[in-house]
Amino acid sequence: MQLTYRGIPYELNTSNVPASVGKIVGRYRGAILRTQECTMNPTPRPFTNLKYRGAYYQPVGGRPTSTTLISAF
């Protein structure tokens, strides 16, 4: 999908991770909130060509390792 931010076009690259529906954790405005558990561990993408305000950089530290998501159904 082609997107634009402040006149600069870029391509949206998303990854689909299979997940199973978990337990109900609550309600918000009538919608049921459930957890989702990843059924497989996704392979992390390497940090390459990161750029902020014209300067290239490499982030310090690791990525979050949580595999639980909360979503409304």
PDB file of N, CA and C in Angstrom:
ATOM      1  N   MET A   1       0.836  -1.154   0.000  1.00  0.00           N
ATOM      2  CA  MET A   1       0.000   0.000   0.000  1.00  0.00           C
ATOM      3  C   MET A   1       0.893   1.233   0.000  1.00  0.00           C
ATOM      4  N   GLN A   2       0.615   2.158  -0.889  1.00  0.00           N
ATOM      5  CA  GLN A   2       1.398   3.384  -1.006  1.00  0.00           C
ATOM      6  C   GLN A   2       0.813   4.440  -0.073  1.00  0.00           C
ATOM      7  N   LEU A   3       1.611   4.974   0.826  1.00  0.00           N
ATOM      8  CA  LEU A   3       1.189   6.014   1.761  1.00  0.00           C
ATOM      9  C   LEU A   3       2.072   7.239   1.587  1.00  0.00           C
ATOM     10  N   THR A   4       1.609   8.363   2.107  1.00  0.00           N
ATOM     11  CA  THR A   4       2.372   9.599   2.024  1.00  0.00           C
ATOM     12  C   THR A   4       2.317  10.302   3.366  1.00  0.00           C
ATOM     13  N   TYR A   5       3.458  10.797   3.839  1.00  0.00           N
ATOM     14  CA  TYR A   5       3.529  11.592   5.059  1.00  0.00           C
ATOM     15  C   TYR A   5       4.308  12.855   4.752  1.00  0.00           C
ATOM     16  N   ARG A   6       3.663  14.005   4.912  1.00  0.00           N
ATOM     17  CA  ARG A   6       4.267  15.301   4.622  1.00  0.00           C
ATOM     18  C   ARG A   6       4.904  15.354   3.240  1.00  0.00           C
ATOM     19  N   GLY A   7       4.195  14.779   2.282  1.00  0.00           N
ATOM     20  CA  GLY A   7       4.644  14.823   0.908  1.00  0.00           C
ATOM     21  C   GLY A   7       5.672  13.785   0.517  1.00  0.00           C
ATOM     22  N   ILE A   8       6.095  12.939   1.465  1.00  0.00           N
ATOM     23  CA  ILE A   8       7.091  11.918   1.157  1.00  0.00           C
ATOM     24  C   ILE A   8       6.380  10.569   1.037  1.00  0.00           C
ATOM     25  N   PRO A   9       6.397   9.967  -0.152  1.00  0.00           N
ATOM     26  CA  PRO A   9       5.721   8.670  -0.309  1.00  0.00           C
ATOM     27  C   PRO A   9       6.550   7.531   0.278  1.00  0.00           C
ATOM     28  N   TYR A  10       5.862   6.542   0.811  1.00  0.00           N
ATOM     29  CA  TYR A  10       6.528   5.329   1.289  1.00  0.00           C
ATOM     30  C   TYR A  10       5.592   4.149   1.156  1.00  0.00           C
ATOM     31  N   GLU A  11       6.162   2.977   1.166  1.00  0.00           N
ATOM     32  CA  GLU A  11       5.423   1.735   0.989  1.00  0.00           C
ATOM     33  C   GLU A  11       5.179   1.103   2.355  1.00  0.00           C
ATOM     34  N   LEU A  12       3.926   0.726   2.637  1.00  0.00           N
ATOM     35  CA  LEU A  12       3.582   0.072   3.891  1.00  0.00           C
ATOM     36  C   LEU A  12       3.841  -1.421   3.763  1.00  0.00           C
ATOM     37  N   ASN A  13       4.703  -1.946   4.626  1.00  0.00           N
ATOM     38  CA  ASN A  13       5.009  -3.374   4.634  1.00  0.00           C
ATOM     39  C   ASN A  13       4.523  -3.953   5.956  1.00  0.00           C
ATOM     40  N   THR A  14       3.457  -4.715   5.911  1.00  0.00           N
ATOM     41  CA  THR A  14       2.928  -5.332   7.127  1.00  0.00           C
ATOM     42  C   THR A  14       3.191  -6.825   7.090  1.00  0.00           C
ATOM     43  N   SER A  15       3.202  -7.431   8.250  1.00  0.00           N
ATOM     44  CA  SER A  15       3.366  -8.877   8.316  1.00  0.00           C
ATOM     45  C   SER A  15       2.150  -9.467   9.018  1.00  0.00           C
ATOM     46  N   ASN A  16       1.695 -10.594   8.527  1.00  0.00           N
ATOM     47  CA  ASN A  16       0.572 -11.288   9.129  1.00  0.00           C
ATOM     48  C   ASN A  16       1.099 -12.383  10.024  1.00  0.00           C
ATOM     49  N   VAL A  17       0.728 -12.320  11.299  1.00  0.00           N
ATOM     50  CA  VAL A  17       1.155 -13.310  12.267  1.00  0.00           C
ATOM     51  C   VAL A  17      -0.083 -14.078  12.713  1.00  0.00           C
ATOM     52  N   PRO A  18      -0.097 -15.417  12.541  1.00  0.00           N
ATOM     53  CA  PRO A  18      -1.262 -16.180  12.967  1.00  0.00           C
ATOM     54  C   PRO A  18      -1.425 -16.117  14.482  1.00  0.00           C
ATOM     55  N   ALA A  19      -2.670 -15.889  14.932  1.00  0.00           N
ATOM     56  CA  ALA A  19      -2.937 -15.780  16.364  1.00  0.00           C
ATOM     57  C   ALA A  19      -4.218 -16.522  16.696  1.00  0.00           C
ATOM     58  N   SER A  20      -4.287 -17.040  17.918  1.00  0.00           N
ATOM     59  CA  SER A  20      -5.502 -17.691  18.387  1.00  0.00           C
ATOM     60  C   SER A  20      -6.213 -16.761  19.357  1.00  0.00           C
ATOM     61  N   VAL A  21      -7.548 -16.876  19.402  1.00  0.00           N
ATOM     62  CA  VAL A  21      -8.351 -16.035  20.275  1.00  0.00           C
ATOM     63  C   VAL A  21      -8.236 -16.561  21.692  1.00  0.00           C
ATOM     64  N   GLY A  22      -7.968 -15.674  22.630  1.00  0.00           N
ATOM     65  CA  GLY A  22      -7.790 -16.057  24.027  1.00  0.00           C
ATOM     66  C   GLY A  22      -9.010 -15.739  24.867  1.00  0.00           C
ATOM     67  N   LYS A  23      -8.761 -15.518  26.137  1.00  0.00           N
ATOM     68  CA  LYS A  23      -9.846 -15.302  27.088  1.00  0.00           C
ATOM     69  C   LYS A  23     -10.364 -13.865  27.025  1.00  0.00           C
ATOM     70  N   ILE A  24     -11.581 -13.658  27.520  1.00  0.00           N
ATOM     71  CA  ILE A  24     -12.180 -12.339  27.591  1.00  0.00           C
ATOM     72  C   ILE A  24     -11.573 -11.603  28.781  1.00  0.00           C
ATOM     73  N   VAL A  25     -11.097 -10.376  28.542  1.00  0.00           N
ATOM     74  CA  VAL A  25     -10.470  -9.611  29.613  1.00  0.00           C
ATOM     75  C   VAL A  25     -11.306  -8.411  30.040  1.00  0.00           C
ATOM     76  N   GLY A  26     -12.359  -8.090  29.308  1.00  0.00           N
ATOM     77  CA  GLY A  26     -13.204  -6.977  29.705  1.00  0.00           C
ATOM     78  C   GLY A  26     -14.100  -6.498  28.586  1.00  0.00           C
ATOM     79  N   ARG A  27     -14.719  -5.354  28.819  1.00  0.00           N
ATOM     80  CA  ARG A  27     -15.591  -4.721  27.837  1.00  0.00           C
ATOM     81  C   ARG A  27     -15.242  -3.242  27.751  1.00  0.00           C
ATOM     82  N   TYR A  28     -15.394  -2.680  26.571  1.00  0.00           N
ATOM     83  CA  TYR A  28     -15.207  -1.256  26.368  1.00  0.00           C
ATOM     84  C   TYR A  28     -16.282  -0.773  25.416  1.00  0.00           C
ATOM     85  N   ARG A  29     -17.142   0.111  25.888  1.00  0.00           N
ATOM     86  CA  ARG A  29     -18.258   0.650  25.109  1.00  0.00           C
ATOM     87  C   ARG A  29     -19.077  -0.454  24.458  1.00  0.00           C
ATOM     88  N   GLY A  30     -19.292  -1.532  25.181  1.00  0.00           N
ATOM     89  CA  GLY A  30     -20.115  -2.634  24.703  1.00  0.00           C
ATOM     90  C   GLY A  30     -19.364  -3.682  23.902  1.00  0.00           C
ATOM     91  N   ALA A  31     -18.133  -3.398  23.510  1.00  0.00           N
ATOM     92  CA  ALA A  31     -17.348  -4.373  22.744  1.00  0.00           C
ATOM     93  C   ALA A  31     -16.568  -5.264  23.706  1.00  0.00           C
ATOM     94  N   ILE A  32     -16.531  -6.543  23.397  1.00  0.00           N
ATOM     95  CA  ILE A  32     -15.800  -7.503  24.221  1.00  0.00           C
ATOM     96  C   ILE A  32     -14.318  -7.419  23.880  1.00  0.00           C
ATOM     97  N   LEU A  33     -13.475  -7.323  24.889  1.00  0.00           N
ATOM     98  CA  LEU A  33     -12.027  -7.294  24.691  1.00  0.00           C
ATOM     99  C   LEU A  33     -11.461  -8.676  24.991  1.00  0.00           C
ATOM    100  N   ARG A  34     -10.720  -9.225  24.064  1.00  0.00           N
ATOM    101  CA  ARG A  34     -10.109 -10.543  24.211  1.00  0.00           C
ATOM    102  C   ARG A  34      -8.604 -10.434  24.003  1.00  0.00           C
ATOM    103  N   THR A  35      -7.877 -11.368  24.570  1.00  0.00           N
ATOM    104  CA  THR A  35      -6.448 -11.445  24.302  1.00  0.00           C
ATOM    105  C   THR A  35      -6.234 -12.286  23.056  1.00  0.00           C
ATOM    106  N   GLN A  36      -5.116 -12.110  22.417  1.00  0.00           N
ATOM    107  CA  GLN A  36      -4.722 -12.933  21.273  1.00  0.00           C
ATOM    108  C   GLN A  36      -3.330 -13.472  21.555  1.00  0.00           C
ATOM    109  N   GLU A  37      -3.156 -14.759  21.373  1.00  0.00           N
ATOM    110  CA  GLU A  37      -1.860 -15.402  21.575  1.00  0.00           C
ATOM    111  C   GLU A  37      -1.282 -15.781  20.215  1.00  0.00           C
ATOM    112  N   CYS A  38      -0.046 -15.426  19.991  1.00  0.00           N
ATOM    113  CA  CYS A  38       0.617 -15.794  18.741  1.00  0.00           C
ATOM    114  C   CYS A  38       0.827 -17.300  18.712  1.00  0.00           C
ATOM    115  N   THR A  39       0.527 -17.912  17.577  1.00  0.00           N
ATOM    116  CA  THR A  39       0.694 -19.355  17.455  1.00  0.00           C
ATOM    117  C   THR A  39       2.084 -19.734  16.990  1.00  0.00           C
ATOM    118  N   MET A  40       2.856 -18.752  16.531  1.00  0.00           N
ATOM    119  CA  MET A  40       4.246 -19.003  16.151  1.00  0.00           C
ATOM    120  C   MET A  40       5.054 -17.751  16.438  1.00  0.00           C
ATOM    121  N   ASN A  41       6.318 -17.914  16.695  1.00  0.00           N
ATOM    122  CA  ASN A  41       7.181 -16.766  16.957  1.00  0.00           C
ATOM    123  C   ASN A  41       7.635 -16.163  15.635  1.00  0.00           C
ATOM    124  N   PRO A  42       7.304 -14.887  15.400  1.00  0.00           N
ATOM    125  CA  PRO A  42       7.746 -14.252  14.159  1.00  0.00           C
ATOM    126  C   PRO A  42       9.249 -13.995  14.192  1.00  0.00           C
ATOM    127  N   THR A  43       9.854 -14.053  13.047  1.00  0.00           N
ATOM    128  CA  THR A  43      11.278 -13.747  12.971  1.00  0.00           C
ATOM    129  C   THR A  43      11.435 -12.233  12.960  1.00  0.00           C
ATOM    130  N   PRO A  44      12.265 -11.691  13.818  1.00  0.00           N
ATOM    131  CA  PRO A  44      12.422 -10.233  13.862  1.00  0.00           C
ATOM    132  C   PRO A  44      13.109  -9.715  12.602  1.00  0.00           C
ATOM    133  N   ARG A  45      12.670  -8.584  12.168  1.00  0.00           N
ATOM    134  CA  ARG A  45      13.295  -7.938  11.017  1.00  0.00           C
ATOM    135  C   ARG A  45      14.528  -7.188  11.495  1.00  0.00           C
ATOM    136  N   PRO A  46      15.587  -7.211  10.739  1.00  0.00           N
ATOM    137  CA  PRO A  46      16.774  -6.463  11.153  1.00  0.00           C
ATOM    138  C   PRO A  46      16.521  -4.962  11.024  1.00  0.00           C
ATOM    139  N   PHE A  47      17.185  -4.184  11.861  1.00  0.00           N
ATOM    140  CA  PHE A  47      17.095  -2.731  11.767  1.00  0.00           C
ATOM    141  C   PHE A  47      18.031  -2.284  10.657  1.00  0.00           C
ATOM    142  N   THR A  48      17.475  -1.849   9.569  1.00  0.00           N
ATOM    143  CA  THR A  48      18.309  -1.365   8.472  1.00  0.00           C
ATOM    144  C   THR A  48      17.744  -0.055   7.939  1.00  0.00           C
ATOM    145  N   ASN A  49      18.605   0.821   7.561  1.00  0.00           N
ATOM    146  CA  ASN A  49      18.241   2.083   6.926  1.00  0.00           C
ATOM    147  C   ASN A  49      17.224   2.889   7.726  1.00  0.00           C
ATOM    148  N   LEU A  50      17.374   2.972   9.054  1.00  0.00           N
ATOM    149  CA  LEU A  50      16.492   3.816   9.844  1.00  0.00           C
ATOM    150  C   LEU A  50      16.991   5.245   9.745  1.00  0.00           C
ATOM    151  N   LYS A  51      16.047   6.176   9.557  1.00  0.00           N
ATOM    152  CA  LYS A  51      16.420   7.555   9.337  1.00  0.00           C
ATOM    153  C   LYS A  51      15.457   8.455  10.108  1.00  0.00           C
ATOM    154  N   TYR A  52      15.988   9.410  10.844  1.00  0.00           N
ATOM    155  CA  TYR A  52      15.179  10.381  11.574  1.00  0.00           C
ATOM    156  C   TYR A  52      15.709  11.768  11.295  1.00  0.00           C
ATOM    157  N   ARG A  53      14.873  12.613  10.710  1.00  0.00           N
ATOM    158  CA  ARG A  53      15.246  13.987  10.369  1.00  0.00           C
ATOM    159  C   ARG A  53      16.547  14.060   9.583  1.00  0.00           C
ATOM    160  N   GLY A  54      16.703  13.142   8.645  1.00  0.00           N
ATOM    161  CA  GLY A  54      17.855  13.161   7.764  1.00  0.00           C
ATOM    162  C   GLY A  54      19.084  12.439   8.258  1.00  0.00           C
ATOM    163  N   ALA A  55      19.062  11.947   9.518  1.00  0.00           N
ATOM    164  CA  ALA A  55      20.229  11.255  10.069  1.00  0.00           C
ATOM    165  C   ALA A  55      19.946   9.762  10.171  1.00  0.00           C
ATOM    166  N   TYR A  56      20.839   8.950   9.660  1.00  0.00           N
ATOM    167  CA  TYR A  56      20.705   7.509   9.767  1.00  0.00           C
ATOM    168  C   TYR A  56      21.170   7.061  11.156  1.00  0.00           C
ATOM    169  N   TYR A  57      20.492   6.038  11.713  1.00  0.00           N
ATOM    170  CA  TYR A  57      20.857   5.583  13.053  1.00  0.00           C
ATOM    171  C   TYR A  57      20.537   4.102  13.233  1.00  0.00           C
ATOM    172  N   GLN A  58      21.134   3.500  14.260  1.00  0.00           N
ATOM    173  CA  GLN A  58      20.854   2.138  14.702  1.00  0.00           C
ATOM    174  C   GLN A  58      20.318   2.224  16.123  1.00  0.00           C
ATOM    175  N   PRO A  59      19.130   1.677  16.407  1.00  0.00           N
ATOM    176  CA  PRO A  59      18.599   1.747  17.766  1.00  0.00           C
ATOM    177  C   PRO A  59      19.439   0.925  18.738  1.00  0.00           C
ATOM    178  N   VAL A  60      19.435   1.332  19.992  1.00  0.00           N
ATOM    179  CA  VAL A  60      20.170   0.647  21.050  1.00  0.00           C
ATOM    180  C   VAL A  60      19.166  -0.149  21.867  1.00  0.00           C
ATOM    181  N   GLY A  61      19.512  -1.392  22.230  1.00  0.00           N
ATOM    182  CA  GLY A  61      18.616  -2.215  23.040  1.00  0.00           C
ATOM    183  C   GLY A  61      17.862  -3.208  22.186  1.00  0.00           C
ATOM    184  N   GLY A  62      17.068  -4.032  22.854  1.00  0.00           N
ATOM    185  CA  GLY A  62      16.318  -5.067  22.166  1.00  0.00           C
ATOM    186  C   GLY A  62      14.894  -4.653  21.860  1.00  0.00           C
ATOM    187  N   ARG A  63      14.222  -5.522  21.180  1.00  0.00           N
ATOM    188  CA  ARG A  63      12.820  -5.310  20.858  1.00  0.00           C
ATOM    189  C   ARG A  63      11.944  -5.902  21.953  1.00  0.00           C
ATOM    190  N   PRO A  64      10.709  -5.430  22.076  1.00  0.00           N
ATOM    191  CA  PRO A  64       9.796  -6.051  23.033  1.00  0.00           C
ATOM    192  C   PRO A  64       9.539  -7.501  22.654  1.00  0.00           C
ATOM    193  N   THR A  65       9.420  -8.377  23.634  1.00  0.00           N
ATOM    194  CA  THR A  65       9.236  -9.798  23.350  1.00  0.00           C
ATOM    195  C   THR A  65       7.844 -10.287  23.692  1.00  0.00           C
ATOM    196  N   SER A  66       6.925  -9.393  24.065  1.00  0.00           N
ATOM    197  CA  SER A  66       5.578  -9.802  24.438  1.00  0.00           C
ATOM    198  C   SER A  66       4.833 -10.341  23.226  1.00  0.00           C
ATOM    199  N   THR A  67       4.083 -11.412  23.411  1.00  0.00           N
ATOM    200  CA  THR A  67       3.316 -11.989  22.304  1.00  0.00           C
ATOM    201  C   THR A  67       1.826 -11.919  22.562  1.00  0.00           C
ATOM    202  N   THR A  68       1.391 -11.189  23.586  1.00  0.00           N
ATOM    203  CA  THR A  68      -0.033 -11.065  23.893  1.00  0.00           C
ATOM    204  C   THR A  68      -0.543  -9.708  23.429  1.00  0.00           C
ATOM    205  N   LEU A  69      -1.600  -9.724  22.650  1.00  0.00           N
ATOM    206  CA  LEU A  69      -2.226  -8.517  22.154  1.00  0.00           C
ATOM    207  C   LEU A  69      -3.658  -8.464  22.696  1.00  0.00           C
ATOM    208  N   ILE A  70      -4.183  -7.285  22.879  1.00  0.00           N
ATOM    209  CA  ILE A  70      -5.581  -7.134  23.279  1.00  0.00           C
ATOM    210  C   ILE A  70      -6.306  -6.471  22.119  1.00  0.00           C
ATOM    211  N   SER A  71      -7.445  -7.048  21.741  1.00  0.00           N
ATOM    212  CA  SER A  71      -8.203  -6.503  20.639  1.00  0.00           C
ATOM    213  C   SER A  71      -9.692  -6.554  20.968  1.00  0.00           C
ATOM    214  N   ALA A  72     -10.474  -5.706  20.303  1.00  0.00           N
ATOM    215  CA  ALA A  72     -11.913  -5.679  20.499  1.00  0.00           C
ATOM    216  C   ALA A  72     -12.582  -6.441  19.366  1.00  0.00           C
ATOM    217  N   PHE A  73     -13.526  -7.271  19.709  1.00  0.00           N
ATOM    218  CA  PHE A  73     -14.298  -7.999  18.701  1.00  0.00           C
ATOM    219  C   PHE A  73     -15.757  -7.688  18.855  1.00  0.00           C
TER     220      PHE A  73
END
